[in-house]
Amino acid sequence: MIKKLIFAMAFFMVLALSGQKKNDKDAVTEAAEKLRSAMISGDKPTLESLILPGLTYGHSGGHIDNAVEFVEKLVSKKSDFVTIDITNQSIDLVGNTAIVRHHFYATTADFGKTPGDVTLDVLLVWVKTKNDWKLLARQAVKSEKKK
């Protein structure tokens, strides 16, 4: 009888944990999509709600922005994304941290210039704070082709 009870408890714990991981993956996917949309719109409150104050945002050219610089560039349209397409996204959860990798293809109109194209591979590090996922780090590297 005790063996059955222990087995049942273990089974339900595994079930609960696997269900939580699925919900966390969905929540990270949703947060990443909100970030993509906010980067296009330049919506300051949304951008600020998705990042941690200690954000480090690495560009493919080597420049690193902090949280204030990241938001300011998007709001002011110094960095102006007309479109952003995300493909080949993967999400790995490690405790309260999510490691997200994806291919990033965008058209830009920085400073109102004629649109340009950018093709990147991106690594994002999200941290769960209370019930929300916040971006802590981002690093991009140039990619040769759209995947």
N, C-alpha and C. Protein backbone atom coordinates (compact mmCIF):
# COMPACT_ATOMS: atom_id res chain seq x y z
N MET A 1 0.83 -1.20 0.00
CA MET A 1 0.00 0.00 0.00
C MET A 1 0.87 1.26 0.00
N ILE A 2 1.90 1.29 0.83
CA ILE A 2 2.77 2.46 0.90
C ILE A 2 3.51 2.65 -0.42
N LYS A 3 3.92 1.54 -1.03
CA LYS A 3 4.61 1.63 -2.33
C LYS A 3 3.70 2.26 -3.37
N LYS A 4 2.43 1.88 -3.37
CA LYS A 4 1.47 2.45 -4.33
C LYS A 4 1.29 3.94 -4.07
N LEU A 5 1.21 4.33 -2.81
CA LEU A 5 1.05 5.74 -2.45
C LEU A 5 2.28 6.54 -2.88
N ILE A 6 3.47 6.02 -2.64
CA ILE A 6 4.70 6.71 -3.05
C ILE A 6 4.76 6.82 -4.56
N PHE A 7 4.42 5.74 -5.26
CA PHE A 7 4.41 5.76 -6.71
C PHE A 7 3.43 6.81 -7.23
N ALA A 8 2.23 6.84 -6.64
CA ALA A 8 1.21 7.81 -7.07
C ALA A 8 1.68 9.24 -6.84
N MET A 9 2.30 9.48 -5.69
CA MET A 9 2.80 10.83 -5.40
C MET A 9 3.91 11.22 -6.37
N ALA A 10 4.81 10.29 -6.64
CA ALA A 10 5.89 10.56 -7.59
C ALA A 10 5.33 10.83 -8.97
N PHE A 11 4.36 10.05 -9.38
CA PHE A 11 3.74 10.23 -10.69
C PHE A 11 3.12 11.61 -10.81
N PHE A 12 2.37 12.03 -9.82
CA PHE A 12 1.72 13.34 -9.87
C PHE A 12 2.73 14.49 -9.79
N MET A 13 3.83 14.30 -9.09
CA MET A 13 4.87 15.33 -9.05
C MET A 13 5.50 15.50 -10.43
N VAL A 14 5.81 14.38 -11.09
CA VAL A 14 6.38 14.44 -12.44
C VAL A 14 5.39 15.09 -13.38
N LEU A 15 4.14 14.72 -13.29
CA LEU A 15 3.10 15.29 -14.13
C LEU A 15 2.99 16.80 -13.90
N ALA A 16 3.01 17.22 -12.65
CA ALA A 16 2.90 18.64 -12.33
C ALA A 16 4.12 19.41 -12.83
N LEU A 17 5.30 18.86 -12.67
CA LEU A 17 6.52 19.54 -13.13
C LEU A 17 6.56 19.63 -14.64
N SER A 18 6.18 18.58 -15.34
CA SER A 18 6.20 18.62 -16.80
C SER A 18 5.16 19.59 -17.32
N GLY A 19 4.02 19.66 -16.65
CA GLY A 19 3.00 20.63 -17.03
C GLY A 19 3.48 22.05 -16.81
N GLN A 20 4.21 22.29 -15.73
CA GLN A 20 4.76 23.62 -15.45
C GLN A 20 5.77 24.01 -16.50
N LYS A 21 6.64 23.09 -16.90
CA LYS A 21 7.63 23.40 -17.92
C LYS A 21 6.94 23.81 -19.22
N LYS A 22 5.88 23.10 -19.59
CA LYS A 22 5.16 23.43 -20.81
C LYS A 22 4.57 24.84 -20.69
N ASN A 23 3.97 25.14 -19.54
CA ASN A 23 3.40 26.47 -19.34
C ASN A 23 4.49 27.53 -19.37
N ASP A 24 5.66 27.24 -18.79
CA ASP A 24 6.76 28.19 -18.82
C ASP A 24 7.25 28.41 -20.25
N LYS A 25 7.36 27.34 -21.02
CA LYS A 25 7.78 27.50 -22.43
C LYS A 25 6.79 28.36 -23.20
N ASP A 26 5.51 28.14 -22.95
CA ASP A 26 4.49 28.97 -23.61
C ASP A 26 4.62 30.43 -23.18
N ALA A 27 4.88 30.65 -21.89
CA ALA A 27 5.02 32.01 -21.37
C ALA A 27 6.26 32.70 -21.95
N VAL A 28 7.35 31.97 -22.09
CA VAL A 28 8.57 32.54 -22.69
C VAL A 28 8.31 32.86 -24.17
N THR A 29 7.64 31.95 -24.86
CA THR A 29 7.30 32.19 -26.27
C THR A 29 6.46 33.46 -26.39
N GLU A 30 5.51 33.62 -25.50
CA GLU A 30 4.66 34.81 -25.50
C GLU A 30 5.47 36.08 -25.21
N ALA A 31 6.37 36.01 -24.23
CA ALA A 31 7.20 37.17 -23.90
C ALA A 31 8.10 37.55 -25.07
N ALA A 32 8.68 36.54 -25.73
CA ALA A 32 9.54 36.81 -26.89
C ALA A 32 8.75 37.46 -28.02
N GLU A 33 7.51 37.03 -28.20
CA GLU A 33 6.66 37.63 -29.24
C GLU A 33 6.29 39.07 -28.88
N LYS A 34 6.01 39.32 -27.61
CA LYS A 34 5.72 40.69 -27.17
C LYS A 34 6.94 41.58 -27.40
N LEU A 35 8.13 41.04 -27.14
CA LEU A 35 9.35 41.81 -27.37
C LEU A 35 9.51 42.13 -28.85
N ARG A 36 9.29 41.14 -29.70
CA ARG A 36 9.39 41.35 -31.16
C ARG A 36 8.45 42.47 -31.60
N SER A 37 7.22 42.42 -31.16
CA SER A 37 6.23 43.44 -31.53
C SER A 37 6.61 44.82 -30.99
N ALA A 38 7.08 44.86 -29.75
CA ALA A 38 7.45 46.14 -29.13
C ALA A 38 8.69 46.74 -29.79
N MET A 39 9.59 45.89 -30.28
CA MET A 39 10.77 46.40 -30.99
C MET A 39 10.36 47.06 -32.30
N ILE A 40 9.31 46.58 -32.92
CA ILE A 40 8.81 47.20 -34.15
C ILE A 40 8.07 48.49 -33.83
N SER A 41 7.19 48.46 -32.83
CA SER A 41 6.37 49.63 -32.52
C SER A 41 7.13 50.71 -31.75
N GLY A 42 8.17 50.31 -31.02
CA GLY A 42 8.88 51.28 -30.19
C GLY A 42 8.08 51.69 -28.97
N ASP A 43 7.17 50.84 -28.53
CA ASP A 43 6.30 51.14 -27.39
C ASP A 43 7.10 51.07 -26.08
N LYS A 44 7.40 52.22 -25.52
CA LYS A 44 8.27 52.30 -24.35
C LYS A 44 7.73 51.53 -23.14
N PRO A 45 6.47 51.69 -22.75
CA PRO A 45 6.00 50.94 -21.57
C PRO A 45 6.10 49.42 -21.76
N THR A 46 5.80 48.94 -22.95
CA THR A 46 5.89 47.50 -23.19
C THR A 46 7.34 47.05 -23.15
N LEU A 47 8.23 47.78 -23.81
CA LEU A 47 9.65 47.43 -23.78
C LEU A 47 10.16 47.37 -22.35
N GLU A 48 9.86 48.40 -21.56
CA GLU A 48 10.34 48.44 -20.18
C GLU A 48 9.74 47.32 -19.33
N SER A 49 8.53 46.90 -19.64
CA SER A 49 7.89 45.84 -18.86
C SER A 49 8.49 44.46 -19.15
N LEU A 50 9.21 44.33 -20.26
CA LEU A 50 9.75 43.03 -20.67
C LEU A 50 11.22 42.82 -20.31
N ILE A 51 11.88 43.85 -19.79
CA ILE A 51 13.32 43.73 -19.53
C ILE A 51 13.64 43.96 -18.06
N LEU A 52 14.79 43.44 -17.66
CA LEU A 52 15.31 43.71 -16.33
C LEU A 52 16.20 44.95 -16.37
N PRO A 53 16.30 45.70 -15.27
CA PRO A 53 17.16 46.88 -15.26
C PRO A 53 18.62 46.57 -15.59
N GLY A 54 19.08 45.37 -15.32
CA GLY A 54 20.46 44.98 -15.59
C GLY A 54 20.68 44.42 -16.99
N LEU A 55 19.73 44.65 -17.89
CA LEU A 55 19.84 44.11 -19.25
C LEU A 55 21.18 44.45 -19.90
N THR A 56 21.77 43.46 -20.55
CA THR A 56 22.92 43.67 -21.41
C THR A 56 22.50 43.18 -22.79
N TYR A 57 22.53 44.08 -23.77
CA TYR A 57 21.99 43.82 -25.10
C TYR A 57 23.12 43.94 -26.12
N GLY A 58 23.65 42.79 -26.52
CA GLY A 58 24.79 42.76 -27.42
C GLY A 58 24.40 42.75 -28.89
N HIS A 59 24.97 43.68 -29.63
CA HIS A 59 24.73 43.78 -31.07
C HIS A 59 25.77 42.95 -31.83
N SER A 60 25.44 42.59 -33.05
CA SER A 60 26.33 41.75 -33.86
C SER A 60 27.64 42.45 -34.20
N GLY A 61 27.64 43.76 -34.17
CA GLY A 61 28.86 44.52 -34.47
C GLY A 61 29.76 44.71 -33.26
N GLY A 62 29.33 44.21 -32.10
CA GLY A 62 30.17 44.29 -30.91
C GLY A 62 29.72 45.30 -29.89
N HIS A 63 28.86 46.26 -30.25
CA HIS A 63 28.39 47.26 -29.29
C HIS A 63 27.41 46.62 -28.31
N ILE A 64 27.47 47.05 -27.06
CA ILE A 64 26.57 46.54 -26.03
C ILE A 64 25.78 47.70 -25.43
N ASP A 65 24.46 47.56 -25.43
CA ASP A 65 23.58 48.55 -24.82
C ASP A 65 23.15 48.07 -23.45
N ASN A 66 22.91 49.03 -22.55
CA ASN A 66 22.27 48.70 -21.28
C ASN A 66 20.76 48.85 -21.47
N ALA A 67 19.99 48.66 -20.43
CA ALA A 67 18.53 48.71 -20.54
C ALA A 67 18.03 50.07 -21.04
N VAL A 68 18.58 51.14 -20.50
CA VAL A 68 18.13 52.49 -20.88
C VAL A 68 18.45 52.75 -22.36
N GLU A 69 19.65 52.40 -22.79
CA GLU A 69 20.04 52.62 -24.19
C GLU A 69 19.20 51.78 -25.14
N PHE A 70 18.94 50.54 -24.78
CA PHE A 70 18.13 49.65 -25.60
C PHE A 70 16.76 50.26 -25.86
N VAL A 71 16.08 50.69 -24.80
CA VAL A 71 14.74 51.26 -24.93
C VAL A 71 14.80 52.58 -25.70
N GLU A 72 15.74 53.45 -25.35
CA GLU A 72 15.82 54.78 -25.98
C GLU A 72 16.02 54.68 -27.49
N LYS A 73 16.87 53.77 -27.94
CA LYS A 73 17.14 53.63 -29.38
C LYS A 73 15.89 53.20 -30.14
N LEU A 74 15.10 52.32 -29.54
CA LEU A 74 13.89 51.86 -30.22
C LEU A 74 12.78 52.91 -30.18
N VAL A 75 12.63 53.60 -29.06
CA VAL A 75 11.59 54.62 -28.93
C VAL A 75 11.88 55.81 -29.84
N SER A 76 13.16 56.22 -29.92
CA SER A 76 13.54 57.38 -30.72
C SER A 76 13.67 57.06 -32.21
N LYS A 77 13.61 55.78 -32.57
CA LYS A 77 13.75 55.29 -33.94
C LYS A 77 15.18 55.41 -34.46
N LYS A 78 16.15 55.59 -33.55
CA LYS A 78 17.55 55.46 -33.95
C LYS A 78 17.78 54.05 -34.46
N SER A 79 17.10 53.12 -33.83
CA SER A 79 17.07 51.74 -34.28
C SER A 79 15.60 51.46 -34.62
N ASP A 80 15.29 51.45 -35.90
CA ASP A 80 13.90 51.37 -36.34
C ASP A 80 13.67 50.09 -37.14
N PHE A 81 12.96 49.16 -36.53
CA PHE A 81 12.62 47.92 -37.21
C PHE A 81 11.27 48.07 -37.90
N VAL A 82 11.26 47.87 -39.21
CA VAL A 82 10.03 47.90 -39.97
C VAL A 82 9.34 46.54 -39.87
N THR A 83 10.13 45.49 -40.02
CA THR A 83 9.64 44.12 -39.85
C THR A 83 10.68 43.31 -39.08
N ILE A 84 10.22 42.31 -38.38
CA ILE A 84 11.10 41.34 -37.73
C ILE A 84 10.45 39.97 -37.90
N ASP A 85 11.18 39.06 -38.52
CA ASP A 85 10.72 37.68 -38.65
C ASP A 85 11.64 36.79 -37.83
N ILE A 86 11.04 35.97 -37.00
CA ILE A 86 11.77 35.04 -36.14
C ILE A 86 11.50 33.62 -36.65
N THR A 87 12.57 32.85 -36.85
CA THR A 87 12.41 31.45 -37.26
C THR A 87 13.36 30.57 -36.45
N ASN A 88 13.13 29.28 -36.54
CA ASN A 88 13.99 28.28 -35.89
C ASN A 88 14.21 28.56 -34.41
N GLN A 89 13.16 28.96 -33.72
CA GLN A 89 13.29 29.28 -32.30
C GLN A 89 13.32 28.02 -31.44
N SER A 90 14.25 27.99 -30.50
CA SER A 90 14.30 26.91 -29.51
C SER A 90 14.35 27.54 -28.12
N ILE A 91 13.74 26.85 -27.17
CA ILE A 91 13.69 27.33 -25.79
C ILE A 91 14.11 26.19 -24.88
N ASP A 92 15.13 26.45 -24.06
CA ASP A 92 15.57 25.49 -23.06
C ASP A 92 15.40 26.12 -21.69
N LEU A 93 14.71 25.43 -20.80
CA LEU A 93 14.47 25.93 -19.46
C LEU A 93 15.45 25.28 -18.48
N VAL A 94 16.07 26.13 -17.65
CA VAL A 94 16.97 25.67 -16.60
C VAL A 94 16.56 26.42 -15.34
N GLY A 95 15.76 25.78 -14.51
CA GLY A 95 15.24 26.45 -13.32
C GLY A 95 14.38 27.64 -13.72
N ASN A 96 14.72 28.82 -13.19
CA ASN A 96 13.94 30.02 -13.51
C ASN A 96 14.58 30.83 -14.65
N THR A 97 15.40 30.15 -15.46
CA THR A 97 16.08 30.80 -16.58
C THR A 97 15.68 30.10 -17.87
N ALA A 98 15.44 30.89 -18.89
CA ALA A 98 15.13 30.35 -20.22
C ALA A 98 16.20 30.82 -21.20
N ILE A 99 16.74 29.88 -21.94
CA ILE A 99 17.72 30.19 -22.98
C ILE A 99 16.99 30.03 -24.32
N VAL A 100 16.88 31.13 -25.03
CA VAL A 100 16.15 31.15 -26.29
C VAL A 100 17.14 31.45 -27.41
N ARG A 101 17.08 30.64 -28.45
CA ARG A 101 17.89 30.88 -29.65
C ARG A 101 16.94 30.96 -30.83
N HIS A 102 17.22 31.89 -31.73
CA HIS A 102 16.43 31.96 -32.95
C HIS A 102 17.19 32.69 -34.06
N HIS A 103 16.65 32.53 -35.24
CA HIS A 103 17.15 33.26 -36.40
C HIS A 103 16.28 34.51 -36.51
N PHE A 104 16.92 35.64 -36.78
CA PHE A 104 16.27 36.96 -36.75
C PHE A 104 16.52 37.62 -38.10
N TYR A 105 15.46 37.85 -38.85
CA TYR A 105 15.57 38.55 -40.13
C TYR A 105 14.69 39.79 -40.04
N ALA A 106 15.27 40.95 -40.34
CA ALA A 106 14.51 42.19 -40.20
C ALA A 106 14.82 43.16 -41.32
N THR A 107 13.85 44.02 -41.58
CA THR A 107 14.09 45.19 -42.42
C THR A 107 14.11 46.38 -41.47
N THR A 108 15.00 47.32 -41.75
CA THR A 108 15.19 48.46 -40.87
C THR A 108 15.08 49.76 -41.64
N ALA A 109 14.81 50.82 -40.91
CA ALA A 109 14.79 52.17 -41.47
C ALA A 109 15.39 53.12 -40.43
N ASP A 110 16.57 52.77 -39.91
CA ASP A 110 17.22 53.57 -38.88
C ASP A 110 17.37 55.01 -39.32
N PHE A 111 17.03 55.93 -38.42
CA PHE A 111 17.08 57.38 -38.69
C PHE A 111 16.24 57.76 -39.91
N GLY A 112 15.21 56.97 -40.25
CA GLY A 112 14.35 57.28 -41.38
C GLY A 112 14.97 56.99 -42.73
N LYS A 113 16.09 56.30 -42.76
CA LYS A 113 16.77 55.98 -44.02
C LYS A 113 16.02 54.90 -44.79
N THR A 114 16.41 54.73 -46.05
CA THR A 114 15.86 53.66 -46.87
C THR A 114 16.04 52.33 -46.16
N PRO A 115 15.02 51.49 -46.19
CA PRO A 115 15.11 50.22 -45.47
C PRO A 115 16.35 49.39 -45.85
N GLY A 116 16.91 48.80 -44.83
CA GLY A 116 18.02 47.87 -44.99
C GLY A 116 17.59 46.51 -44.47
N ASP A 117 18.44 45.54 -44.65
CA ASP A 117 18.15 44.19 -44.18
C ASP A 117 19.19 43.76 -43.16
N VAL A 118 18.75 43.00 -42.17
CA VAL A 118 19.67 42.44 -41.18
C VAL A 118 19.28 40.98 -40.97
N THR A 119 20.30 40.12 -40.99
CA THR A 119 20.10 38.69 -40.78
C THR A 119 21.04 38.25 -39.66
N LEU A 120 20.44 37.77 -38.56
CA LEU A 120 21.20 37.46 -37.36
C LEU A 120 20.79 36.12 -36.75
N ASP A 121 21.70 35.57 -35.98
CA ASP A 121 21.36 34.49 -35.07
C ASP A 121 21.45 35.09 -33.68
N VAL A 122 20.44 34.85 -32.87
CA VAL A 122 20.30 35.55 -31.59
C VAL A 122 20.17 34.56 -30.44
N LEU A 123 20.80 34.93 -29.33
CA LEU A 123 20.67 34.22 -28.06
C LEU A 123 20.04 35.19 -27.07
N LEU A 124 18.95 34.77 -26.44
CA LEU A 124 18.27 35.57 -25.42
C LEU A 124 18.28 34.79 -24.11
N VAL A 125 18.49 35.49 -23.01
CA VAL A 125 18.41 34.88 -21.69
C VAL A 125 17.28 35.58 -20.93
N TRP A 126 16.24 34.80 -20.63
CA TRP A 126 15.08 35.30 -19.90
C TRP A 126 15.12 34.74 -18.49
N VAL A 127 14.67 35.54 -17.51
CA VAL A 127 14.63 35.12 -16.12
C VAL A 127 13.20 35.28 -15.61
N LYS A 128 12.74 34.25 -14.92
CA LYS A 128 11.39 34.32 -14.35
C LYS A 128 11.45 35.08 -13.04
N THR A 129 10.72 36.18 -12.98
CA THR A 129 10.62 36.99 -11.77
C THR A 129 9.16 37.00 -11.36
N LYS A 130 8.86 36.40 -10.23
CA LYS A 130 7.49 36.16 -9.79
C LYS A 130 6.81 35.32 -10.87
N ASN A 131 5.83 35.87 -11.57
CA ASN A 131 5.15 35.09 -12.62
C ASN A 131 5.47 35.58 -14.02
N ASP A 132 6.40 36.52 -14.14
CA ASP A 132 6.71 37.10 -15.45
C ASP A 132 8.11 36.71 -15.90
N TRP A 133 8.29 36.64 -17.20
CA TRP A 133 9.60 36.39 -17.79
C TRP A 133 10.15 37.71 -18.27
N LYS A 134 11.37 38.04 -17.84
CA LYS A 134 12.02 39.31 -18.18
C LYS A 134 13.35 39.02 -18.89
N LEU A 135 13.67 39.83 -19.87
CA LEU A 135 14.91 39.68 -20.61
C LEU A 135 16.08 40.22 -19.81
N LEU A 136 17.10 39.38 -19.62
CA LEU A 136 18.30 39.77 -18.91
C LEU A 136 19.46 40.02 -19.87
N ALA A 137 19.54 39.21 -20.93
CA ALA A 137 20.68 39.33 -21.83
C ALA A 137 20.29 38.94 -23.24
N ARG A 138 20.96 39.56 -24.20
CA ARG A 138 20.78 39.25 -25.61
C ARG A 138 22.12 39.39 -26.30
N GLN A 139 22.43 38.45 -27.18
CA GLN A 139 23.63 38.55 -28.00
C GLN A 139 23.29 38.10 -29.41
N ALA A 140 23.70 38.90 -30.37
CA ALA A 140 23.46 38.59 -31.78
C ALA A 140 24.78 38.40 -32.51
N VAL A 141 24.76 37.51 -33.47
CA VAL A 141 25.88 37.35 -34.39
C VAL A 141 25.33 37.39 -35.80
N LYS A 142 26.13 37.90 -36.72
CA LYS A 142 25.69 38.01 -38.10
C LYS A 142 25.54 36.60 -38.69
N SER A 143 24.51 36.46 -39.50
CA SER A 143 24.22 35.21 -40.16
C SER A 143 24.27 35.46 -41.66
N GLU A 144 24.69 34.49 -42.40
CA GLU A 144 24.87 34.64 -43.84
C GLU A 144 23.58 34.64 -44.64
N LYS A 145 22.61 33.86 -44.23
CA LYS A 145 21.42 33.74 -45.04
C LYS A 145 20.18 33.57 -44.17
N LYS A 146 19.04 33.87 -44.77
CA LYS A 146 17.77 33.67 -44.09
C LYS A 146 17.51 32.18 -44.00
N LYS A 147 17.18 31.72 -42.79
CA LYS A 147 16.94 30.29 -42.58
C LYS A 147 15.47 29.99 -42.57
